[in-house]
Amino acid sequence: MADESRDNEVSVARAGAVATVTLGRPALTSGIKAALRDALEDLAGDDSVRAVVLTGTGKAFCVGQDLAEHAEALRADPATAFATIEQHYNPIVTALATMPKPVIAAVNGTCVGAGLGFALACDLRVTADTAKFGTAFTAIGLTPDSGLSVTLARAVGSARAGELVLLGESFTAAQAAEWGIAGRVVPADEVAETAAELAARLAAGPTRAYAEAKAGLAGPLAQVLRDEGAAQARLGLTEDHRIAVEAFLAKEKPAFTGR
């Protein structure tokens, strides 16, 4: 197995025709987002890689944006704080969803916000039975990004997706499986092995057929991502968002005003 790393934020391990991409920390800083984007785009163009696994470290798959970093960007200039959507989030989701080879999310633990969007952008999911899920966006005065506004509804139906986004309540791996999100649910210590076995099986299959199938399922992803980015940029200028981010960092409950 060959290993490589990118700025100590993302590691890529290769075993035969399978590449496993591991996030080095649960929260998405600019460094980890850039490293993940670059790794996925490289793997998409590497014909020697026939299947990809995306996973996290420890007890978390991905908890979404690092809000401490985001708060600094808001204080500096709210008008540019969401440039990361176009620079990082949209390319990451596009790479996952359109890569001409299967991508498996090995959801080893907590999976919320953009992390849920990343998992749903993958083709298959292997999930730890201890994993917790959530959308999280409205809790900080935002609408979803990372394609979640479409992929969640596609997975669970529009009615339940609306409830999950608006209420923002967390849910379990068992619920995620029942609703069509989690895919295969296994004990936490079997996630990596199960995902690797599934990836090896897919890598031995007709990857050109898989690529065509993915293209048919992707739908109007580019427009969805643009619309999400525009909506987040508008909401990033609101008082509700600023207050909610500061309250999160202070471990307090935000008082929303609708402004």
C-alpha atoms as a PDB file:
ATOM      1  CA  MET A   1       0.000   0.000   0.000  1.00  0.00           C
ATOM      2  CA  ALA A   2       1.423   3.369  -1.029  1.00  0.00           C
ATOM      3  CA  ASP A   3       0.787   6.466   1.067  1.00  0.00           C
ATOM      4  CA  GLU A   4       1.038  10.145   0.286  1.00  0.00           C
ATOM      5  CA  SER A   5      -0.071  13.278   2.137  1.00  0.00           C
ATOM      6  CA  ARG A   6      -1.068  16.813   1.195  1.00  0.00           C
ATOM      7  CA  ASP A   7      -0.071  19.526   3.644  1.00  0.00           C
ATOM      8  CA  ASN A   8      -0.702  17.081   6.531  1.00  0.00           C
ATOM      9  CA  GLU A   9      -4.423  17.693   6.046  1.00  0.00           C
ATOM     10  CA  VAL A  10      -5.411  14.861   3.731  1.00  0.00           C
ATOM     11  CA  SER A  11      -3.746  11.501   3.148  1.00  0.00           C
ATOM     12  CA  VAL A  12      -4.113   9.258   0.116  1.00  0.00           C
ATOM     13  CA  ALA A  13      -3.350   5.546   0.420  1.00  0.00           C
ATOM     14  CA  ARG A  14      -3.316   3.276  -2.616  1.00  0.00           C
ATOM     15  CA  ALA A  15      -3.894  -0.472  -2.569  1.00  0.00           C
ATOM     16  CA  GLY A  16      -3.991  -1.875  -6.063  1.00  0.00           C
ATOM     17  CA  ALA A  17      -6.597   0.032  -8.071  1.00  0.00           C
ATOM     18  CA  VAL A  18      -8.275   1.508  -4.955  1.00  0.00           C
ATOM     19  CA  ALA A  19      -7.327   4.882  -3.466  1.00  0.00           C
ATOM     20  CA  THR A  20      -8.444   5.811   0.052  1.00  0.00           C
ATOM     21  CA  VAL A  21      -8.633   9.514   0.879  1.00  0.00           C
ATOM     22  CA  THR A  22      -8.614  10.287   4.607  1.00  0.00           C
ATOM     23  CA  LEU A  23      -9.487  13.644   6.123  1.00  0.00           C
ATOM     24  CA  GLY A  24      -6.925  14.513   8.774  1.00  0.00           C
ATOM     25  CA  ARG A  25      -9.318  16.410  11.030  1.00  0.00           C
ATOM     26  CA  PRO A  26     -13.108  16.638  11.381  1.00  0.00           C
ATOM     27  CA  ALA A  27     -13.590  20.377  10.742  1.00  0.00           C
ATOM     28  CA  LEU A  28     -12.966  21.844   7.313  1.00  0.00           C
ATOM     29  CA  THR A  29     -10.290  24.542   7.299  1.00  0.00           C
ATOM     30  CA  SER A  30      -9.109  26.222   4.101  1.00  0.00           C
ATOM     31  CA  GLY A  31      -6.070  23.971   4.107  1.00  0.00           C
ATOM     32  CA  ILE A  32      -7.983  20.719   4.361  1.00  0.00           C
ATOM     33  CA  LYS A  33     -10.550  21.842   1.769  1.00  0.00           C
ATOM     34  CA  ALA A  34      -7.849  22.766  -0.737  1.00  0.00           C
ATOM     35  CA  ALA A  35      -5.980  19.509  -0.127  1.00  0.00           C
ATOM     36  CA  LEU A  36      -9.161  17.462  -0.500  1.00  0.00           C
ATOM     37  CA  ARG A  37     -10.145  19.260  -3.712  1.00  0.00           C
ATOM     38  CA  ASP A  38      -6.719  18.702  -5.233  1.00  0.00           C
ATOM     39  CA  ALA A  39      -6.552  15.054  -4.180  1.00  0.00           C
ATOM     40  CA  LEU A  40      -9.964  14.243  -5.637  1.00  0.00           C
ATOM     41  CA  GLU A  41      -9.288  16.057  -8.892  1.00  0.00           C
ATOM     42  CA  ASP A  42      -5.974  14.206  -9.259  1.00  0.00           C
ATOM     43  CA  LEU A  43      -7.624  10.847  -8.605  1.00  0.00           C
ATOM     44  CA  ALA A  44     -10.414  11.617 -11.065  1.00  0.00           C
ATOM     45  CA  GLY A  45      -7.843  11.892 -13.835  1.00  0.00           C
ATOM     46  CA  ASP A  46      -5.712   8.922 -12.760  1.00  0.00           C
ATOM     47  CA  ASP A  47      -6.629   5.925 -14.903  1.00  0.00           C
ATOM     48  CA  SER A  48      -4.720   3.572 -12.608  1.00  0.00           C
ATOM     49  CA  VAL A  49      -7.297   4.284  -9.872  1.00  0.00           C
ATOM     50  CA  ARG A  50     -10.566   2.470 -10.520  1.00  0.00           C
ATOM     51  CA  ALA A  51     -12.377   3.147  -7.226  1.00  0.00           C
ATOM     52  CA  VAL A  52     -12.038   5.686  -4.412  1.00  0.00           C
ATOM     53  CA  VAL A  53     -12.907   5.611  -0.709  1.00  0.00           C
ATOM     54  CA  LEU A  54     -13.421   8.838   1.284  1.00  0.00           C
ATOM     55  CA  THR A  55     -13.235   8.587   5.066  1.00  0.00           C
ATOM     56  CA  GLY A  56     -12.442  10.530   8.229  1.00  0.00           C
ATOM     57  CA  THR A  57     -10.258  10.144  11.286  1.00  0.00           C
ATOM     58  CA  GLY A  58     -11.188   8.936  14.758  1.00  0.00           C
ATOM     59  CA  LYS A  59     -14.824   9.368  15.755  1.00  0.00           C
ATOM     60  CA  ALA A  60     -15.771  11.804  13.001  1.00  0.00           C
ATOM     61  CA  PHE A  61     -16.195  11.567   9.258  1.00  0.00           C
ATOM     62  CA  CYS A  62     -16.604  15.319   8.747  1.00  0.00           C
ATOM     63  CA  VAL A  63     -18.403  17.972  10.811  1.00  0.00           C
ATOM     64  CA  GLY A  64     -18.420  20.661   8.135  1.00  0.00           C
ATOM     65  CA  GLN A  65     -16.895  24.123   8.112  1.00  0.00           C
ATOM     66  CA  ASP A  66     -14.419  25.144  10.799  1.00  0.00           C
ATOM     67  CA  LEU A  67     -16.528  27.927  12.300  1.00  0.00           C
ATOM     68  CA  ALA A  68     -13.629  29.589  14.080  1.00  0.00           C
ATOM     69  CA  GLU A  69     -11.958  30.174  10.728  1.00  0.00           C
ATOM     70  CA  HIS A  70     -15.279  31.216   9.213  1.00  0.00           C
ATOM     71  CA  ALA A  71     -15.891  33.733  12.014  1.00  0.00           C
ATOM     72  CA  GLU A  72     -12.540  35.359  11.237  1.00  0.00           C
ATOM     73  CA  ALA A  73     -13.525  35.631   7.571  1.00  0.00           C
ATOM     74  CA  LEU A  74     -16.869  37.207   8.520  1.00  0.00           C
ATOM     75  CA  ARG A  75     -15.161  39.771  10.745  1.00  0.00           C
ATOM     76  CA  ALA A  76     -12.723  40.621   7.979  1.00  0.00           C
ATOM     77  CA  ASP A  77     -15.316  40.984   5.209  1.00  0.00           C
ATOM     78  CA  PRO A  78     -18.742  39.293   5.126  1.00  0.00           C
ATOM     79  CA  ALA A  79     -18.967  39.947   1.379  1.00  0.00           C
ATOM     80  CA  THR A  80     -16.024  37.641   0.643  1.00  0.00           C
ATOM     81  CA  ALA A  81     -16.411  35.147   3.499  1.00  0.00           C
ATOM     82  CA  PHE A  82     -18.213  32.694   1.223  1.00  0.00           C
ATOM     83  CA  ALA A  83     -15.640  32.633  -1.573  1.00  0.00           C
ATOM     84  CA  THR A  84     -14.803  29.169  -0.278  1.00  0.00           C
ATOM     85  CA  ILE A  85     -18.022  27.867  -1.849  1.00  0.00           C
ATOM     86  CA  GLU A  86     -16.698  28.419  -5.359  1.00  0.00           C
ATOM     87  CA  GLN A  87     -13.066  27.759  -4.492  1.00  0.00           C
ATOM     88  CA  HIS A  88     -13.490  24.598  -2.443  1.00  0.00           C
ATOM     89  CA  TYR A  89     -16.922  23.164  -1.729  1.00  0.00           C
ATOM     90  CA  ASN A  90     -18.285  23.143  -5.270  1.00  0.00           C
ATOM     91  CA  PRO A  91     -15.157  21.578  -6.821  1.00  0.00           C
ATOM     92  CA  ILE A  92     -15.050  18.922  -4.083  1.00  0.00           C
ATOM     93  CA  VAL A  93     -18.677  17.909  -4.580  1.00  0.00           C
ATOM     94  CA  THR A  94     -18.329  18.040  -8.354  1.00  0.00           C
ATOM     95  CA  ALA A  95     -15.281  15.766  -8.215  1.00  0.00           C
ATOM     96  CA  LEU A  96     -17.071  13.248  -5.997  1.00  0.00           C
ATOM     97  CA  ALA A  97     -20.290  13.207  -8.005  1.00  0.00           C
ATOM     98  CA  THR A  98     -18.816  13.239 -11.510  1.00  0.00           C
ATOM     99  CA  MET A  99     -15.605  11.261 -11.067  1.00  0.00           C
ATOM    100  CA  PRO A 100     -15.624   8.564 -13.795  1.00  0.00           C
ATOM    101  CA  LYS A 101     -15.207   5.798 -11.217  1.00  0.00           C
ATOM    102  CA  PRO A 102     -17.129   4.720  -8.111  1.00  0.00           C
ATOM    103  CA  VAL A 103     -16.628   6.641  -4.866  1.00  0.00           C
ATOM    104  CA  ILE A 104     -17.543   5.138  -1.487  1.00  0.00           C
ATOM    105  CA  ALA A 105     -18.004   7.213   1.668  1.00  0.00           C
ATOM    106  CA  ALA A 106     -16.722   5.234   4.656  1.00  0.00           C
ATOM    107  CA  VAL A 107     -18.649   7.147   7.316  1.00  0.00           C
ATOM    108  CA  ASN A 108     -16.660   6.266  10.412  1.00  0.00           C
ATOM    109  CA  GLY A 109     -18.405   8.711  12.744  1.00  0.00           C
ATOM    110  CA  THR A 110     -20.128  12.097  13.050  1.00  0.00           C
ATOM    111  CA  CYS A 111     -21.303  13.371   9.672  1.00  0.00           C
ATOM    112  CA  VAL A 112     -22.950  16.799   9.611  1.00  0.00           C
ATOM    113  CA  GLY A 113     -23.213  19.924   7.497  1.00  0.00           C
ATOM    114  CA  ALA A 114     -20.950  19.841   4.458  1.00  0.00           C
ATOM    115  CA  GLY A 115     -19.774  16.424   5.675  1.00  0.00           C
ATOM    116  CA  LEU A 116     -23.271  15.088   4.995  1.00  0.00           C
ATOM    117  CA  GLY A 117     -23.177  16.777   1.610  1.00  0.00           C
ATOM    118  CA  PHE A 118     -19.863  15.075   0.810  1.00  0.00           C
ATOM    119  CA  ALA A 119     -21.193  11.674   1.898  1.00  0.00           C
ATOM    120  CA  LEU A 120     -24.301  12.048  -0.262  1.00  0.00           C
ATOM    121  CA  ALA A 121     -22.188  13.146  -3.240  1.00  0.00           C
ATOM    122  CA  CYS A 122     -20.470   9.766  -3.079  1.00  0.00           C
ATOM    123  CA  ASP A 123     -22.023   6.833  -4.912  1.00  0.00           C
ATOM    124  CA  LEU A 124     -22.245   4.429  -1.968  1.00  0.00           C
ATOM    125  CA  ARG A 125     -21.962   4.742   1.792  1.00  0.00           C
ATOM    126  CA  VAL A 126     -20.682   2.321   4.424  1.00  0.00           C
ATOM    127  CA  THR A 127     -21.645   3.689   7.842  1.00  0.00           C
ATOM    128  CA  ALA A 128     -20.616   2.981  11.413  1.00  0.00           C
ATOM    129  CA  ASP A 129     -23.555   1.991  13.587  1.00  0.00           C
ATOM    130  CA  THR A 130     -22.399   4.651  16.078  1.00  0.00           C
ATOM    131  CA  ALA A 131     -22.404   7.518  13.550  1.00  0.00           C
ATOM    132  CA  LYS A 132     -24.506  10.623  14.124  1.00  0.00           C
ATOM    133  CA  PHE A 133     -25.880  12.772  11.316  1.00  0.00           C
ATOM    134  CA  GLY A 134     -27.336  16.249  10.920  1.00  0.00           C
ATOM    135  CA  THR A 135     -27.768  19.082   8.444  1.00  0.00           C
ATOM    136  CA  ALA A 136     -26.774  21.872  10.886  1.00  0.00           C
ATOM    137  CA  PHE A 137     -27.044  24.794   8.441  1.00  0.00           C
ATOM    138  CA  THR A 138     -30.138  26.564   9.757  1.00  0.00           C
ATOM    139  CA  ALA A 139     -28.666  26.461  13.271  1.00  0.00           C
ATOM    140  CA  ILE A 140     -26.199  29.100  12.094  1.00  0.00           C
ATOM    141  CA  GLY A 141     -28.639  30.989   9.890  1.00  0.00           C
ATOM    142  CA  LEU A 142     -27.650  29.401   6.574  1.00  0.00           C
ATOM    143  CA  THR A 143     -29.123  27.260   3.824  1.00  0.00           C
ATOM    144  CA  PRO A 144     -27.359  24.018   2.773  1.00  0.00           C
ATOM    145  CA  ASP A 145     -24.322  23.852   0.519  1.00  0.00           C
ATOM    146  CA  SER A 146     -22.327  20.974  -0.994  1.00  0.00           C
ATOM    147  CA  GLY A 147     -25.274  19.900  -3.123  1.00  0.00           C
ATOM    148  CA  LEU A 148     -27.231  18.884  -0.039  1.00  0.00           C
ATOM    149  CA  SER A 149     -30.327  20.823  -1.072  1.00  0.00           C
ATOM    150  CA  VAL A 150     -30.832  18.269  -3.855  1.00  0.00           C
ATOM    151  CA  THR A 151     -29.016  15.107  -2.755  1.00  0.00           C
ATOM    152  CA  LEU A 152     -30.792  14.960   0.603  1.00  0.00           C
ATOM    153  CA  ALA A 153     -34.239  15.170  -0.991  1.00  0.00           C
ATOM    154  CA  ARG A 154     -33.179  12.570  -3.549  1.00  0.00           C
ATOM    155  CA  ALA A 155     -32.175  10.225  -0.721  1.00  0.00           C
ATOM    156  CA  VAL A 156     -35.027  10.712   1.756  1.00  0.00           C
ATOM    157  CA  GLY A 157     -37.817  12.460  -0.171  1.00  0.00           C
ATOM    158  CA  SER A 158     -38.690  16.142  -0.175  1.00  0.00           C
ATOM    159  CA  ALA A 159     -40.953  16.091   2.887  1.00  0.00           C
ATOM    160  CA  ARG A 160     -38.411  14.507   5.211  1.00  0.00           C
ATOM    161  CA  ALA A 161     -35.580  16.553   3.706  1.00  0.00           C
ATOM    162  CA  GLY A 162     -37.478  19.724   4.515  1.00  0.00           C
ATOM    163  CA  GLU A 163     -37.920  18.598   8.112  1.00  0.00           C
ATOM    164  CA  LEU A 164     -34.257  17.651   8.483  1.00  0.00           C
ATOM    165  CA  VAL A 165     -33.089  20.998   7.097  1.00  0.00           C
ATOM    166  CA  LEU A 166     -35.560  23.279   8.857  1.00  0.00           C
ATOM    167  CA  LEU A 167     -35.441  21.628  12.278  1.00  0.00           C
ATOM    168  CA  GLY A 168     -31.756  20.689  12.068  1.00  0.00           C
ATOM    169  CA  GLU A 169     -32.164  17.815  14.508  1.00  0.00           C
ATOM    170  CA  SER A 170     -29.488  15.133  14.655  1.00  0.00           C
ATOM    171  CA  PHE A 171     -30.312  11.544  13.731  1.00  0.00           C
ATOM    172  CA  THR A 172     -28.750   8.133  14.165  1.00  0.00           C
ATOM    173  CA  ALA A 173     -27.185   5.661  11.758  1.00  0.00           C
ATOM    174  CA  ALA A 174     -30.255   3.436  12.140  1.00  0.00           C
ATOM    175  CA  GLN A 175     -32.521   6.314  11.120  1.00  0.00           C
ATOM    176  CA  ALA A 176     -30.166   7.226   8.286  1.00  0.00           C
ATOM    177  CA  ALA A 177     -30.375   3.658   7.004  1.00  0.00           C
ATOM    178  CA  GLU A 178     -34.161   3.583   7.282  1.00  0.00           C
ATOM    179  CA  TRP A 179     -34.446   6.865   5.373  1.00  0.00           C
ATOM    180  CA  GLY A 180     -32.034   5.903   2.578  1.00  0.00           C
ATOM    181  CA  ILE A 181     -28.903   7.845   3.580  1.00  0.00           C
ATOM    182  CA  ALA A 182     -26.571   5.430   5.325  1.00  0.00           C
ATOM    183  CA  GLY A 183     -26.312   2.530   2.892  1.00  0.00           C
ATOM    184  CA  ARG A 184     -24.605  -0.389   4.625  1.00  0.00           C
ATOM    185  CA  VAL A 185     -24.448  -0.018   8.414  1.00  0.00           C
ATOM    186  CA  VAL A 186     -21.755  -2.044  10.186  1.00  0.00           C
ATOM    187  CA  PRO A 187     -19.954  -1.978  13.550  1.00  0.00           C
ATOM    188  CA  ALA A 188     -17.556   0.965  13.745  1.00  0.00           C
ATOM    189  CA  ASP A 189     -14.459  -1.236  13.700  1.00  0.00           C
ATOM    190  CA  GLU A 190     -15.597  -2.871  10.453  1.00  0.00           C
ATOM    191  CA  VAL A 191     -16.202   0.288   8.396  1.00  0.00           C
ATOM    192  CA  ALA A 192     -12.743   0.526   6.827  1.00  0.00           C
ATOM    193  CA  GLU A 193     -12.549  -3.151   5.927  1.00  0.00           C
ATOM    194  CA  THR A 194     -16.090  -3.261   4.530  1.00  0.00           C
ATOM    195  CA  ALA A 195     -15.512  -0.153   2.427  1.00  0.00           C
ATOM    196  CA  ALA A 196     -12.186  -1.492   1.145  1.00  0.00           C
ATOM    197  CA  GLU A 197     -13.766  -4.802   0.134  1.00  0.00           C
ATOM    198  CA  LEU A 198     -16.615  -3.037  -1.643  1.00  0.00           C
ATOM    199  CA  ALA A 199     -14.190  -0.690  -3.409  1.00  0.00           C
ATOM    200  CA  ALA A 200     -12.041  -3.608  -4.574  1.00  0.00           C
ATOM    201  CA  ARG A 201     -15.131  -5.319  -5.954  1.00  0.00           C
ATOM    202  CA  LEU A 202     -16.116  -2.188  -7.863  1.00  0.00           C
ATOM    203  CA  ALA A 203     -12.551  -1.611  -9.081  1.00  0.00           C
ATOM    204  CA  ALA A 204     -12.688  -5.027 -10.730  1.00  0.00           C
ATOM    205  CA  GLY A 205     -15.931  -4.138 -12.500  1.00  0.00           C
ATOM    206  CA  PRO A 206     -16.887  -2.235 -15.675  1.00  0.00           C
ATOM    207  CA  THR A 207     -15.772   1.249 -14.646  1.00  0.00           C
ATOM    208  CA  ARG A 208     -16.775   2.820 -17.968  1.00  0.00           C
ATOM    209  CA  ALA A 209     -20.319   1.581 -17.393  1.00  0.00           C
ATOM    210  CA  TYR A 210     -20.173   2.937 -13.851  1.00  0.00           C
ATOM    211  CA  ALA A 211     -19.074   6.332 -15.209  1.00  0.00           C
ATOM    212  CA  GLU A 212     -21.996   6.493 -17.629  1.00  0.00           C
ATOM    213  CA  ALA A 213     -24.408   5.459 -14.882  1.00  0.00           C
ATOM    214  CA  LYS A 214     -23.057   8.199 -12.601  1.00  0.00           C
ATOM    215  CA  ALA A 215     -23.465  10.798 -15.341  1.00  0.00           C
ATOM    216  CA  GLY A 216     -27.105   9.844 -15.708  1.00  0.00           C
ATOM    217  CA  LEU A 217     -27.735  10.112 -11.981  1.00  0.00           C
ATOM    218  CA  ALA A 218     -25.877  13.387 -11.415  1.00  0.00           C
ATOM    219  CA  GLY A 219     -28.583  15.636 -12.823  1.00  0.00           C
ATOM    220  CA  PRO A 220     -28.229  19.446 -12.936  1.00  0.00           C
ATOM    221  CA  LEU A 221     -25.517  19.550 -10.266  1.00  0.00           C
ATOM    222  CA  ALA A 222     -23.653  22.610 -11.557  1.00  0.00           C
ATOM    223  CA  GLN A 223     -26.716  24.854 -11.376  1.00  0.00           C
ATOM    224  CA  VAL A 224     -27.647  23.538  -7.919  1.00  0.00           C
ATOM    225  CA  LEU A 225     -24.185  24.360  -6.597  1.00  0.00           C
ATOM    226  CA  ARG A 226     -24.311  27.862  -8.079  1.00  0.00           C
ATOM    227  CA  ASP A 227     -27.724  28.508  -6.543  1.00  0.00           C
ATOM    228  CA  GLU A 228     -26.594  27.248  -3.130  1.00  0.00           C
ATOM    229  CA  GLY A 229     -23.520  29.468  -3.233  1.00  0.00           C
ATOM    230  CA  ALA A 230     -25.552  32.552  -4.114  1.00  0.00           C
ATOM    231  CA  ALA A 231     -28.028  31.842  -1.307  1.00  0.00           C
ATOM    232  CA  GLN A 232     -25.270  31.383   1.265  1.00  0.00           C
ATOM    233  CA  ALA A 233     -23.584  34.609   0.152  1.00  0.00           C
ATOM    234  CA  ARG A 234     -26.857  36.488   0.727  1.00  0.00           C
ATOM    235  CA  LEU A 235     -27.381  34.906   4.129  1.00  0.00           C
ATOM    236  CA  GLY A 236     -23.776  35.583   5.077  1.00  0.00           C
ATOM    237  CA  LEU A 237     -24.629  39.284   5.226  1.00  0.00           C
ATOM    238  CA  THR A 238     -27.459  38.797   7.730  1.00  0.00           C
ATOM    239  CA  GLU A 239     -27.330  39.614  11.397  1.00  0.00           C
ATOM    240  CA  ASP A 240     -28.790  36.176  12.186  1.00  0.00           C
ATOM    241  CA  HIS A 241     -25.803  34.409  10.667  1.00  0.00           C
ATOM    242  CA  ARG A 242     -23.221  36.601  12.376  1.00  0.00           C
ATOM    243  CA  ILE A 243     -24.906  36.217  15.757  1.00  0.00           C
ATOM    244  CA  ALA A 244     -25.309  32.467  15.356  1.00  0.00           C
ATOM    245  CA  VAL A 245     -21.649  31.884  14.504  1.00  0.00           C
ATOM    246  CA  GLU A 246     -20.456  33.946  17.459  1.00  0.00           C
ATOM    247  CA  ALA A 247     -22.941  32.154  19.741  1.00  0.00           C
ATOM    248  CA  PHE A 248     -21.700  28.753  18.540  1.00  0.00           C
ATOM    249  CA  LEU A 249     -18.105  29.661  19.350  1.00  0.00           C
ATOM    250  CA  ALA A 250     -19.160  30.987  22.764  1.00  0.00           C
ATOM    251  CA  LYS A 251     -21.223  27.822  23.357  1.00  0.00           C
ATOM    252  CA  GLU A 252     -24.355  29.911  23.750  1.00  0.00           C
ATOM    253  CA  LYS A 253     -27.808  29.722  22.180  1.00  0.00           C
ATOM    254  CA  PRO A 254     -28.340  32.327  19.439  1.00  0.00           C
ATOM    255  CA  ALA A 255     -31.274  34.716  19.546  1.00  0.00           C
ATOM    256  CA  PHE A 256     -32.503  35.016  15.955  1.00  0.00           C
ATOM    257  CA  THR A 257     -34.253  38.220  14.897  1.00  0.00           C
ATOM    258  CA  GLY A 258     -34.941  37.576  11.208  1.00  0.00           C
ATOM    259  CA  ARG A 259     -32.548  40.348  10.165  1.00  0.00           C
END
